[in-house]
C-alpha atoms as a PDB file:
ATOM      1  CA  MET A   1     114.453 144.850 102.189  1.00  0.00           C
ATOM      2  CA  PRO A   2     117.429 145.609 100.059  1.00  0.00           C
ATOM      3  CA  ASP A   3     119.956 148.117 102.093  1.00  0.00           C
ATOM      4  CA  SER A   4     120.355 150.248  98.357  1.00  0.00           C
ATOM      5  CA  VAL A   5     118.622 151.131  95.178  1.00  0.00           C
ATOM      6  CA  ILE A   6     121.288 149.185  93.418  1.00  0.00           C
ATOM      7  CA  ALA A   7     120.494 146.088  95.444  1.00  0.00           C
ATOM      8  CA  PHE A   8     116.728 146.667  94.214  1.00  0.00           C
ATOM      9  CA  ILE A   9     117.596 147.166  90.740  1.00  0.00           C
ATOM     10  CA  PHE A  10     119.740 144.144  90.941  1.00  0.00           C
ATOM     11  CA  ILE A  11     116.732 141.517  92.178  1.00  0.00           C
ATOM     12  CA  PHE A  12     114.506 143.291  89.823  1.00  0.00           C
ATOM     13  CA  ALA A  13     116.502 142.590  87.006  1.00  0.00           C
ATOM     14  CA  VAL A  14     117.261 138.959  88.151  1.00  0.00           C
ATOM     15  CA  PHE A  15     113.837 137.946  88.405  1.00  0.00           C
ATOM     16  CA  VAL A  16     113.123 139.708  85.130  1.00  0.00           C
ATOM     17  CA  LEU A  17     115.690 137.318  83.488  1.00  0.00           C
ATOM     18  CA  ALA A  18     115.134 134.328  85.493  1.00  0.00           C
ATOM     19  CA  GLY A  19     110.980 135.038  84.410  1.00  0.00           C
ATOM     20  CA  PHE A  20     111.955 135.169  80.609  1.00  0.00           C
ATOM     21  CA  VAL A  21     113.723 132.050  80.717  1.00  0.00           C
ATOM     22  CA  LYS A  22     110.784 130.420  82.487  1.00  0.00           C
ATOM     23  CA  GLY A  23     108.369 131.996  80.103  1.00  0.00           C
ATOM     24  CA  ALA A  24     110.480 130.860  77.083  1.00  0.00           C
ATOM     25  CA  ILE A  25     111.509 127.412  77.924  1.00  0.00           C
ATOM     26  CA  GLY A  26     109.127 126.563  80.776  1.00  0.00           C
ATOM     27  CA  LEU A  27     111.591 126.010  83.518  1.00  0.00           C
ATOM     28  CA  GLY A  28     114.701 127.756  85.146  1.00  0.00           C
ATOM     29  CA  LEU A  29     112.999 130.379  87.363  1.00  0.00           C
ATOM     30  CA  PRO A  30     114.483 129.085  90.772  1.00  0.00           C
ATOM     31  CA  SER A  31     117.867 127.985  89.114  1.00  0.00           C
ATOM     32  CA  VAL A  32     118.643 131.558  87.862  1.00  0.00           C
ATOM     33  CA  SER A  33     117.496 133.574  90.471  1.00  0.00           C
ATOM     34  CA  MET A  34     119.089 131.654  93.030  1.00  0.00           C
ATOM     35  CA  GLY A  35     122.281 131.000  91.427  1.00  0.00           C
ATOM     36  CA  LEU A  36     122.691 135.303  90.282  1.00  0.00           C
ATOM     37  CA  MET A  37     121.253 136.239  93.450  1.00  0.00           C
ATOM     38  CA  ALA A  38     124.150 133.770  95.696  1.00  0.00           C
ATOM     39  CA  VAL A  39     126.417 135.809  94.212  1.00  0.00           C
ATOM     40  CA  VAL A  40     125.945 138.912  96.412  1.00  0.00           C
ATOM     41  CA  MET A  41     123.815 137.248  99.389  1.00  0.00           C
ATOM     42  CA  SER A  42     123.459 134.644 101.731  1.00  0.00           C
ATOM     43  CA  PRO A  43     121.535 131.506 100.100  1.00  0.00           C
ATOM     44  CA  GLY A  44     118.914 131.881 102.895  1.00  0.00           C
ATOM     45  CA  GLN A  45     118.574 135.393 101.904  1.00  0.00           C
ATOM     46  CA  ALA A  46     117.944 134.594  98.253  1.00  0.00           C
ATOM     47  CA  ALA A  47     115.941 131.595  98.766  1.00  0.00           C
ATOM     48  CA  ALA A  48     113.650 133.553 101.036  1.00  0.00           C
ATOM     49  CA  LEU A  49     113.253 135.931  97.974  1.00  0.00           C
ATOM     50  CA  VAL A  50     112.472 132.899  95.277  1.00  0.00           C
ATOM     51  CA  VAL A  51     109.595 131.745  97.286  1.00  0.00           C
ATOM     52  CA  VAL A  52     106.685 134.267  96.177  1.00  0.00           C
ATOM     53  CA  PRO A  53     107.469 134.588  92.593  1.00  0.00           C
ATOM     54  CA  SER A  54     108.263 130.518  92.567  1.00  0.00           C
ATOM     55  CA  VAL A  55     104.743 129.864  94.103  1.00  0.00           C
ATOM     56  CA  VAL A  56     102.858 131.848  92.483  1.00  0.00           C
ATOM     57  CA  THR A  57     104.380 130.711  88.858  1.00  0.00           C
ATOM     58  CA  ASN A  58     104.503 127.390  89.286  1.00  0.00           C
ATOM     59  CA  PHE A  59     100.908 127.367  90.835  1.00  0.00           C
ATOM     60  CA  TRP A  60      99.341 128.291  87.399  1.00  0.00           C
ATOM     61  CA  GLN A  61     101.695 125.498  85.923  1.00  0.00           C
ATOM     62  CA  MET A  62     100.484 122.865  88.534  1.00  0.00           C
ATOM     63  CA  VAL A  63      96.696 123.869  87.808  1.00  0.00           C
ATOM     64  CA  ALA A  64      96.724 124.737  84.148  1.00  0.00           C
ATOM     65  CA  GLY A  65      96.384 121.409  82.841  1.00  0.00           C
ATOM     66  CA  PRO A  66      93.720 118.226  83.053  1.00  0.00           C
ATOM     67  CA  TYR A  67      96.180 115.750  84.867  1.00  0.00           C
ATOM     68  CA  PHE A  68      96.243 117.028  88.229  1.00  0.00           C
ATOM     69  CA  ARG A  69      94.429 114.584  90.074  1.00  0.00           C
ATOM     70  CA  PRO A  70      96.093 111.412  88.707  1.00  0.00           C
ATOM     71  CA  LEU A  71      99.632 113.358  88.974  1.00  0.00           C
ATOM     72  CA  LEU A  72      99.144 113.957  92.768  1.00  0.00           C
ATOM     73  CA  ARG A  73      98.423 110.136  93.111  1.00  0.00           C
ATOM     74  CA  ARG A  74     101.015 108.995  90.963  1.00  0.00           C
ATOM     75  CA  LEU A  75     103.924 111.317  92.557  1.00  0.00           C
ATOM     76  CA  ALA A  76     102.481 111.063  96.048  1.00  0.00           C
ATOM     77  CA  GLY A  77     105.366 109.101  97.644  1.00  0.00           C
ATOM     78  CA  LEU A  78     107.811 111.604  95.756  1.00  0.00           C
ATOM     79  CA  LEU A  79     106.396 114.563  97.123  1.00  0.00           C
ATOM     80  CA  ALA A  80     105.873 113.489 100.647  1.00  0.00           C
ATOM     81  CA  ALA A  81     109.153 112.124 100.910  1.00  0.00           C
ATOM     82  CA  SER A  82     110.758 115.419  99.723  1.00  0.00           C
ATOM     83  CA  CYS A  83     108.993 117.493 101.998  1.00  0.00           C
ATOM     84  CA  VAL A  84     110.553 115.147 104.762  1.00  0.00           C
ATOM     85  CA  GLY A  85     113.723 115.381 103.304  1.00  0.00           C
ATOM     86  CA  THR A  86     113.406 119.331 102.936  1.00  0.00           C
ATOM     87  CA  TRP A  87     112.593 119.357 106.794  1.00  0.00           C
ATOM     88  CA  LEU A  88     115.417 117.114 107.840  1.00  0.00           C
ATOM     89  CA  GLY A  89     117.816 119.633 106.358  1.00  0.00           C
ATOM     90  CA  ALA A  90     116.334 122.687 108.138  1.00  0.00           C
ATOM     91  CA  GLY A  91     119.180 125.417 108.867  1.00  0.00           C
ATOM     92  CA  TRP A  92     121.333 124.012 106.439  1.00  0.00           C
ATOM     93  CA  LEU A  93     120.575 127.242 104.030  1.00  0.00           C
ATOM     94  CA  THR A  94     120.624 129.681 107.179  1.00  0.00           C
ATOM     95  CA  GLY A  95     123.146 128.177 109.563  1.00  0.00           C
ATOM     96  CA  PRO A  96     126.893 128.447 109.844  1.00  0.00           C
ATOM     97  CA  TYR A  97     127.553 125.780 107.319  1.00  0.00           C
ATOM     98  CA  ALA A  98     125.447 127.763 104.793  1.00  0.00           C
ATOM     99  CA  HIS A  99     128.420 128.661 102.244  1.00  0.00           C
ATOM    100  CA  TYR A 100     128.742 125.015 101.634  1.00  0.00           C
ATOM    101  CA  GLY A 101     125.329 125.209  99.792  1.00  0.00           C
ATOM    102  CA  VAL A 102     126.440 127.727  97.736  1.00  0.00           C
ATOM    103  CA  ILE A 103     128.798 125.339  96.623  1.00  0.00           C
ATOM    104  CA  THR A 104     126.512 122.832  96.438  1.00  0.00           C
ATOM    105  CA  LEU A 105     124.545 124.792  94.364  1.00  0.00           C
ATOM    106  CA  GLY A 106     127.100 125.572  91.852  1.00  0.00           C
ATOM    107  CA  VAL A 107     127.636 121.627  91.570  1.00  0.00           C
ATOM    108  CA  LEU A 108     124.089 120.937  91.063  1.00  0.00           C
ATOM    109  CA  LEU A 109     123.781 123.687  88.326  1.00  0.00           C
ATOM    110  CA  ILE A 110     126.944 122.297  86.453  1.00  0.00           C
ATOM    111  CA  VAL A 111     125.358 118.874  86.556  1.00  0.00           C
ATOM    112  CA  TYR A 112     122.215 119.804  85.520  1.00  0.00           C
ATOM    113  CA  GLY A 113     123.491 121.798  82.651  1.00  0.00           C
ATOM    114  CA  LEU A 114     125.705 118.714  81.609  1.00  0.00           C
ATOM    115  CA  ILE A 115     122.656 116.217  81.791  1.00  0.00           C
ATOM    116  CA  SER A 116     120.369 118.792  80.163  1.00  0.00           C
ATOM    117  CA  LEU A 117     122.976 119.501  76.982  1.00  0.00           C
ATOM    118  CA  ALA A 118     123.529 115.704  76.998  1.00  0.00           C
ATOM    119  CA  ASN A 119     119.714 115.041  76.967  1.00  0.00           C
ATOM    120  CA  VAL A 120     120.395 112.222  79.145  1.00  0.00           C
ATOM    121  CA  ARG A 121     117.377 109.963  79.666  1.00  0.00           C
ATOM    122  CA  VAL A 122     116.496 106.857  81.938  1.00  0.00           C
ATOM    123  CA  SER A 123     113.671 104.519  81.848  1.00  0.00           C
ATOM    124  CA  VAL A 124     112.013 103.859  85.012  1.00  0.00           C
ATOM    125  CA  THR A 125     109.246 101.010  84.847  1.00  0.00           C
ATOM    126  CA  ALA A 126     105.971 101.297  86.545  1.00  0.00           C
ATOM    127  CA  ASP A 127     107.014  99.090  89.238  1.00  0.00           C
ATOM    128  CA  LYS A 128     109.481 100.680  90.078  1.00  0.00           C
ATOM    129  CA  GLU A 129     107.947 103.925  90.801  1.00  0.00           C
ATOM    130  CA  ILE A 130     106.454 102.977  94.050  1.00  0.00           C
ATOM    131  CA  TRP A 131     110.001 102.352  95.687  1.00  0.00           C
ATOM    132  CA  LEU A 132     112.060 104.554  93.913  1.00  0.00           C
ATOM    133  CA  GLY A 133     110.213 107.883  93.740  1.00  0.00           C
ATOM    134  CA  PRO A 134     110.032 108.430  97.501  1.00  0.00           C
ATOM    135  CA  ILE A 135     113.742 107.504  97.400  1.00  0.00           C
ATOM    136  CA  VAL A 136     114.395 110.136  94.582  1.00  0.00           C
ATOM    137  CA  GLY A 137     111.888 112.536  96.709  1.00  0.00           C
ATOM    138  CA  PHE A 138     113.771 112.290  99.649  1.00  0.00           C
ATOM    139  CA  ILE A 139     117.467 113.042  98.363  1.00  0.00           C
ATOM    140  CA  SER A 140     115.768 115.969  96.098  1.00  0.00           C
ATOM    141  CA  GLY A 141     114.402 117.077  99.336  1.00  0.00           C
ATOM    142  CA  LEU A 142     118.032 117.353 101.229  1.00  0.00           C
ATOM    143  CA  LEU A 143     119.535 118.819  98.328  1.00  0.00           C
ATOM    144  CA  THR A 144     116.260 121.521  98.388  1.00  0.00           C
ATOM    145  CA  ALA A 145     117.570 122.168 102.001  1.00  0.00           C
ATOM    146  CA  ALA A 146     120.683 122.872 101.053  1.00  0.00           C
ATOM    147  CA  THR A 147     120.499 124.829  98.009  1.00  0.00           C
ATOM    148  CA  GLY A 148     116.907 126.085  97.689  1.00  0.00           C
ATOM    149  CA  VAL A 149     116.407 124.566  94.561  1.00  0.00           C
ATOM    150  CA  PHE A 150     114.590 121.482  93.607  1.00  0.00           C
ATOM    151  CA  VAL A 151     116.525 119.774  90.742  1.00  0.00           C
ATOM    152  CA  ILE A 152     118.525 116.849  90.920  1.00  0.00           C
ATOM    153  CA  PRO A 153     117.897 114.058  90.909  1.00  0.00           C
ATOM    154  CA  ALA A 154     113.931 114.296  90.524  1.00  0.00           C
ATOM    155  CA  ILE A 155     114.202 116.121  86.952  1.00  0.00           C
ATOM    156  CA  ILE A 156     116.215 112.763  85.815  1.00  0.00           C
ATOM    157  CA  TYR A 157     113.201 110.658  87.345  1.00  0.00           C
ATOM    158  CA  LEU A 158     110.455 112.696  86.141  1.00  0.00           C
ATOM    159  CA  ASN A 159     111.810 112.638  82.699  1.00  0.00           C
ATOM    160  CA  GLY A 160     111.986 108.741  82.817  1.00  0.00           C
ATOM    161  CA  ILE A 161     108.731 107.586  84.066  1.00  0.00           C
ATOM    162  CA  GLY A 162     107.003 107.891  80.693  1.00  0.00           C
ATOM    163  CA  MET A 163     104.788 111.187  80.955  1.00  0.00           C
ATOM    164  CA  GLU A 164     103.522 112.841  77.546  1.00  0.00           C
ATOM    165  CA  LYS A 165     104.970 116.581  77.430  1.00  0.00           C
ATOM    166  CA  GLU A 166     101.772 118.532  78.823  1.00  0.00           C
ATOM    167  CA  GLU A 167     101.594 115.811  81.553  1.00  0.00           C
ATOM    168  CA  LEU A 168     105.615 116.308  82.681  1.00  0.00           C
ATOM    169  CA  VAL A 169     105.089 120.086  82.548  1.00  0.00           C
ATOM    170  CA  GLN A 170     101.936 119.778  84.988  1.00  0.00           C
ATOM    171  CA  ALA A 171     104.111 117.398  87.383  1.00  0.00           C
ATOM    172  CA  LEU A 172     107.283 119.911  87.388  1.00  0.00           C
ATOM    173  CA  GLY A 173     104.661 122.711  88.444  1.00  0.00           C
ATOM    174  CA  ILE A 174     103.363 120.270  91.281  1.00  0.00           C
ATOM    175  CA  CYS A 175     106.773 119.343  92.365  1.00  0.00           C
ATOM    176  CA  PHE A 176     108.418 122.954  92.397  1.00  0.00           C
ATOM    177  CA  THR A 177     105.236 124.238  94.310  1.00  0.00           C
ATOM    178  CA  VAL A 178     105.217 121.671  96.938  1.00  0.00           C
ATOM    179  CA  SER A 179     108.980 121.508  97.292  1.00  0.00           C
ATOM    180  CA  THR A 180     108.764 125.517  97.902  1.00  0.00           C
ATOM    181  CA  ILE A 181     105.944 125.441 100.244  1.00  0.00           C
ATOM    182  CA  ALA A 182     107.879 122.524 102.313  1.00  0.00           C
ATOM    183  CA  LEU A 183     111.475 124.965 101.933  1.00  0.00           C
ATOM    184  CA  SER A 184     109.381 128.115 103.228  1.00  0.00           C
ATOM    185  CA  PHE A 185     108.500 126.386 106.546  1.00  0.00           C
ATOM    186  CA  ASN A 186     112.288 126.170 107.218  1.00  0.00           C
ATOM    187  CA  LEU A 187     112.911 129.656 105.927  1.00  0.00           C
ATOM    188  CA  ALA A 188     110.101 130.710 108.262  1.00  0.00           C
ATOM    189  CA  ALA A 189     111.332 128.859 111.247  1.00  0.00           C
ATOM    190  CA  ALA A 190     114.950 130.471 110.634  1.00  0.00           C
ATOM    191  CA  GLY A 191     113.748 133.784 110.583  1.00  0.00           C
ATOM    192  CA  VAL A 192     114.569 134.926 107.107  1.00  0.00           C
ATOM    193  CA  LEU A 193     111.066 134.605 105.621  1.00  0.00           C
ATOM    194  CA  ASN A 194     108.980 137.281 107.211  1.00  0.00           C
ATOM    195  CA  THR A 195     107.180 140.455 106.799  1.00  0.00           C
ATOM    196  CA  SER A 196     109.997 142.539 106.379  1.00  0.00           C
ATOM    197  CA  LEU A 197     110.531 140.994 102.613  1.00  0.00           C
ATOM    198  CA  ALA A 198     106.849 141.450 101.373  1.00  0.00           C
ATOM    199  CA  MET A 199     107.891 144.704  99.538  1.00  0.00           C
ATOM    200  CA  THR A 200     110.744 143.082  98.199  1.00  0.00           C
ATOM    201  CA  ALA A 201     108.913 139.934  97.471  1.00  0.00           C
ATOM    202  CA  ILE A 202     106.372 141.789  95.625  1.00  0.00           C
ATOM    203  CA  VAL A 203     108.690 143.565  93.284  1.00  0.00           C
ATOM    204  CA  ALA A 204     110.444 140.157  92.270  1.00  0.00           C
ATOM    205  CA  LEU A 205     106.787 138.914  91.616  1.00  0.00           C
ATOM    206  CA  VAL A 206     105.977 141.469  89.433  1.00  0.00           C
ATOM    207  CA  ALA A 207     109.647 141.263  87.563  1.00  0.00           C
ATOM    208  CA  ALA A 208     109.264 137.359  87.517  1.00  0.00           C
ATOM    209  CA  LEU A 209     105.881 138.045  85.883  1.00  0.00           C
ATOM    210  CA  ALA A 210     107.076 140.589  83.515  1.00  0.00           C
ATOM    211  CA  GLY A 211     109.958 138.194  82.455  1.00  0.00           C
ATOM    212  CA  MET A 212     107.542 135.494  81.852  1.00  0.00           C
ATOM    213  CA  TRP A 213     105.296 137.846  79.780  1.00  0.00           C
ATOM    214  CA  LEU A 214     108.192 138.548  77.504  1.00  0.00           C
ATOM    215  CA  GLY A 215     109.851 135.172  77.379  1.00  0.00           C
ATOM    216  CA  GLN A 216     106.243 134.004  76.147  1.00  0.00           C
ATOM    217  CA  ALA A 217     105.881 136.826  73.541  1.00  0.00           C
ATOM    218  CA  VAL A 218     109.268 135.824  71.760  1.00  0.00           C
ATOM    219  CA  ARG A 219     109.062 132.265  72.541  1.00  0.00           C
ATOM    220  CA  LEU A 220     107.887 131.408  68.524  1.00  0.00           C
ATOM    221  CA  ARG A 221     110.573 133.779  67.412  1.00  0.00           C
ATOM    222  CA  LEU A 222     113.287 131.765  69.266  1.00  0.00           C
ATOM    223  CA  ASP A 223     115.112 129.029  67.899  1.00  0.00           C
ATOM    224  CA  GLN A 224     114.435 126.775  70.851  1.00  0.00           C
ATOM    225  CA  ALA A 225     117.323 124.154  70.387  1.00  0.00           C
ATOM    226  CA  THR A 226     120.103 126.885  70.347  1.00  0.00           C
ATOM    227  CA  PHE A 227     118.423 129.200  73.395  1.00  0.00           C
ATOM    228  CA  ARG A 228     118.416 125.987  75.321  1.00  0.00           C
ATOM    229  CA  ARG A 229     121.693 125.046  74.525  1.00  0.00           C
ATOM    230  CA  TRP A 230     123.063 128.545  75.260  1.00  0.00           C
ATOM    231  CA  PHE A 231     120.666 128.891  78.588  1.00  0.00           C
ATOM    232  CA  PHE A 232     122.287 125.340  79.819  1.00  0.00           C
ATOM    233  CA  ILE A 233     125.710 126.664  79.182  1.00  0.00           C
ATOM    234  CA  GLY A 234     125.477 129.869  81.067  1.00  0.00           C
ATOM    235  CA  LEU A 235     124.155 127.852  83.733  1.00  0.00           C
ATOM    236  CA  MET A 236     127.111 125.959  84.040  1.00  0.00           C
ATOM    237  CA  LEU A 237     129.374 128.351  83.856  1.00  0.00           C
ATOM    238  CA  LEU A 238     127.615 130.233  86.821  1.00  0.00           C
ATOM    239  CA  GLY A 239     127.568 127.057  88.417  1.00  0.00           C
ATOM    240  CA  LEU A 240     131.261 126.924  88.129  1.00  0.00           C
ATOM    241  CA  TYR A 241     131.734 130.563  89.923  1.00  0.00           C
ATOM    242  CA  LEU A 242     129.438 129.433  92.432  1.00  0.00           C
ATOM    243  CA  SER A 243     131.202 126.424  93.257  1.00  0.00           C
ATOM    244  CA  GLY A 244     134.665 127.697  92.689  1.00  0.00           C
ATOM    245  CA  ALA A 245     134.742 131.034  93.838  1.00  0.00           C
ATOM    246  CA  PRO A 246     134.556 130.102  97.757  1.00  0.00           C
ATOM    247  CA  LEU A 247     137.124 127.889  97.216  1.00  0.00           C
ATOM    248  CA  VAL A 248     139.678 130.142  95.529  1.00  0.00           C
ATOM    249  CA  ARG A 249     138.739 132.602  98.571  1.00  0.00           C
ATOM    250  CA  SER A 250     139.244 130.343 101.210  1.00  0.00           C
ATOM    251  CA  TRP A 251     142.918 129.390  99.722  1.00  0.00           C
ATOM    252  CA  ILE A 252     143.895 133.187  99.466  1.00  0.00           C
END
């Protein structure tokens, strides 16, 4: 539980913002919430608070479409390998080197922002999926264990295997849901994901859902290209702070 009303308000505001971004452009809840909360708390604590809102919002995205079963078969290798990678990294978010996870998260946000702004695309042929998917999943799982965010290189891979827009949206929901559940086992084993977080997690979920509703309500009124551009610029600036501040403090 937060130890002050200010901390509670901060968490609520973070998840409203993260939910708004997800409602407006369909992604960004873990990246925004983890990035902002890592400024004021440990990566393990931040990841524990993200679990419930992330699972609930991504579960809806996962099942809301006609492609669930074929996507599950197609992505089975990636999903299984991501779980293995996440579990092999157990303790990285909560152990003595957890502060490196903040730096890694900052770097990933910068890379994610640059790739998105540059509209980088790769092309993965069907014959390569069977072996490349598990490799991408394993690396993404290791980075999830270290940062609490499932992004790189999975997002690049998913954009490159030739899915239609609605397929991609549902595929992201499947990957985010599975990765969050896998990460939750690490957090539970470390003791940071427990019933003492229940009330805070509920507040975070309500805030995220409210933010999503607001984001969806204004989606049609926003210029998507402009919003996405400034979102990723903001994400990169946050990444610069997260990756740079710990290094600066260590030198002072």
